[in-house]
C-alpha cells in the first residue's frame, strides 16, 4: 500500500509536513557590508559561532560584519621567482661563466653554418 501511495510523487522534492505546532530554533540576524556598499543580513542560530566575513549576495565580494573589528591581515611570504631560486643555487660569477660558455657554443655554431 505504501508503494502505491508514493507512485508518481517526487521523493524529497516536496514535503508533506506542515509547520504547525513546531518551534524554530532561536535566531539572530547578523549584518554584513561589502566593499561596494551592499548590505547583507543573514539569519543565524542564536548559539552559532558568528563568522567575521560572509560572501556578498550581490557581487560575491567578501563582506565584513558590521559590528566587528577588521580582521588582521596574515603575513604572506612573497612568491619566489625563477631568478630567486636560481640565485639560491648559483652565484653571479657562476652564472656569468655559464653564460659565456653558452655564447661561445652558439657563436661556434653560427660560424659553421655561415
Protein backbone atom coordinates (compact mmCIF):
# COMPACT_ATOMS: atom_id res chain seq x y z
CA UNK A 1 0.00 0.00 0.00
CA UNK A 2 2.81 2.39 0.88
CA UNK A 3 4.44 1.87 -2.50
CA UNK A 4 1.21 2.75 -4.29
CA UNK A 5 0.79 5.95 -2.31
CA UNK A 6 4.24 7.19 -3.35
CA UNK A 7 3.88 6.28 -7.01
CA UNK A 8 4.02 9.36 -9.18
CA UNK A 9 5.43 11.64 -6.50
CA UNK A 10 8.89 13.15 -6.46
CA UNK A 11 10.58 11.84 -3.37
CA UNK A 12 12.43 14.51 -1.48
CA UNK A 13 11.23 17.32 -3.72
CA UNK A 14 8.05 18.06 -1.79
CA UNK A 15 7.49 17.87 1.93
CA UNK A 16 4.05 16.77 3.05
CA UNK A 17 4.58 18.06 6.58
CA UNK A 18 3.35 21.46 7.67
CA UNK A 19 4.91 23.97 10.06
CA UNK A 20 2.07 23.97 12.54
CA UNK A 21 2.95 23.13 16.15
CA UNK A 22 6.70 23.37 15.56
CA UNK A 23 9.08 25.71 17.33
CA UNK A 24 12.00 27.06 15.36
CA UNK A 25 15.40 27.38 16.96
CA UNK A 26 16.10 30.84 18.39
CA UNK A 27 17.71 33.02 15.75
CA UNK A 28 19.66 36.23 15.48
CA UNK A 29 20.20 38.43 12.45
CA UNK A 30 23.75 39.44 11.60
CA UNK A 31 24.52 42.22 9.12
CA UNK A 32 27.49 42.29 6.74
CA UNK A 33 28.71 45.07 4.45
CA UNK A 34 30.89 44.51 1.38
CA UNK A 35 33.46 46.99 -0.01
CA UNK A 36 30.95 48.11 -2.69
CA UNK A 37 28.44 49.13 -0.01
CA UNK A 38 25.99 46.25 -0.34
CA UNK A 39 24.39 45.26 2.96
CA UNK A 40 23.54 41.61 3.60
CA UNK A 41 21.55 40.37 6.59
CA UNK A 42 21.88 36.69 7.46
CA UNK A 43 19.71 34.82 9.99
CA UNK A 44 21.85 32.52 12.16
CA UNK A 45 21.08 30.30 15.12
CA UNK A 46 21.48 32.06 18.47
CA UNK A 47 24.12 29.61 19.70
CA UNK A 48 26.06 29.53 16.40
CA UNK A 49 29.55 30.98 16.14
CA UNK A 50 29.24 34.14 14.07
CA UNK A 51 31.79 34.39 11.23
CA UNK A 52 33.64 37.68 10.76
CA UNK A 53 33.14 37.60 6.97
CA UNK A 54 30.43 36.44 4.56
CA UNK A 55 30.14 36.31 0.80
CA UNK A 56 28.09 39.24 -0.56
CA UNK A 57 24.88 38.05 -2.23
CA UNK A 58 25.00 40.87 -4.78
CA UNK A 59 28.56 40.95 -6.08
CA UNK A 60 30.33 37.94 -4.49
CA UNK A 61 32.96 40.03 -2.69
CA UNK A 62 33.95 39.33 0.91
CA UNK A 63 31.62 41.26 3.21
CA UNK A 64 32.67 42.04 6.78
CA UNK A 65 30.43 42.03 9.84
CA UNK A 66 29.06 45.48 10.63
CA UNK A 67 29.67 45.49 14.39
CA UNK A 68 33.02 43.63 14.29
CA UNK A 69 36.55 44.94 14.00
CA UNK A 70 38.59 44.38 10.86
CA UNK A 71 40.44 41.05 10.78
CA UNK A 72 44.21 41.35 10.79
CA UNK A 73 45.96 40.55 7.55
CA UNK A 74 48.11 37.44 7.68
CA UNK A 75 51.73 37.91 6.77
CA UNK A 76 52.22 36.21 3.45
CA UNK A 77 55.56 35.24 2.00
CA UNK A 78 56.23 36.94 -1.32
CA UNK A 79 56.21 34.46 -4.19
CA UNK A 80 59.62 33.20 -5.23
CA UNK A 81 60.57 33.87 -8.83
CA UNK A 82 62.76 31.72 -11.05
CA UNK A 83 65.54 34.25 -10.57
CA UNK A 84 65.31 33.92 -6.77
CA UNK A 85 65.53 30.13 -6.97
CA UNK A 86 68.46 30.37 -9.39
CA UNK A 87 70.35 32.66 -7.03
CA UNK A 88 69.85 30.13 -4.24
CA UNK A 89 71.78 27.56 -6.28
CA UNK A 90 74.42 29.67 -8.04
CA UNK A 91 76.39 32.87 -7.57
CA UNK A 92 76.50 35.71 -10.11
CA UNK A 93 80.05 34.68 -11.10
CA UNK A 94 78.90 31.12 -11.82
CA UNK A 95 76.01 32.44 -13.92
CA UNK A 96 78.34 34.70 -15.93
CA UNK A 97 80.65 31.75 -16.57
CA UNK A 98 77.78 29.56 -17.80
CA UNK A 99 76.53 32.41 -20.00
CA UNK A 100 79.94 32.89 -21.60
CA UNK A 101 80.23 29.12 -22.28
CA UNK A 102 76.80 29.04 -23.96
CA UNK A 103 77.55 32.15 -26.01
CA UNK A 104 80.81 30.58 -27.19
CA UNK A 105 78.92 27.44 -28.30
CA UNK A 106 76.28 29.50 -30.14
CA UNK A 107 78.94 31.63 -31.89
CA UNK A 108 80.79 28.48 -32.99
CA UNK A 109 77.59 27.04 -34.47
CA UNK A 110 76.92 30.26 -36.38
CA UNK A 111 80.44 30.21 -37.88
CA UNK A 112 79.97 26.61 -39.09
CA UNK A 113 76.61 27.36 -40.72
CA UNK A 114 77.83 30.56 -42.43
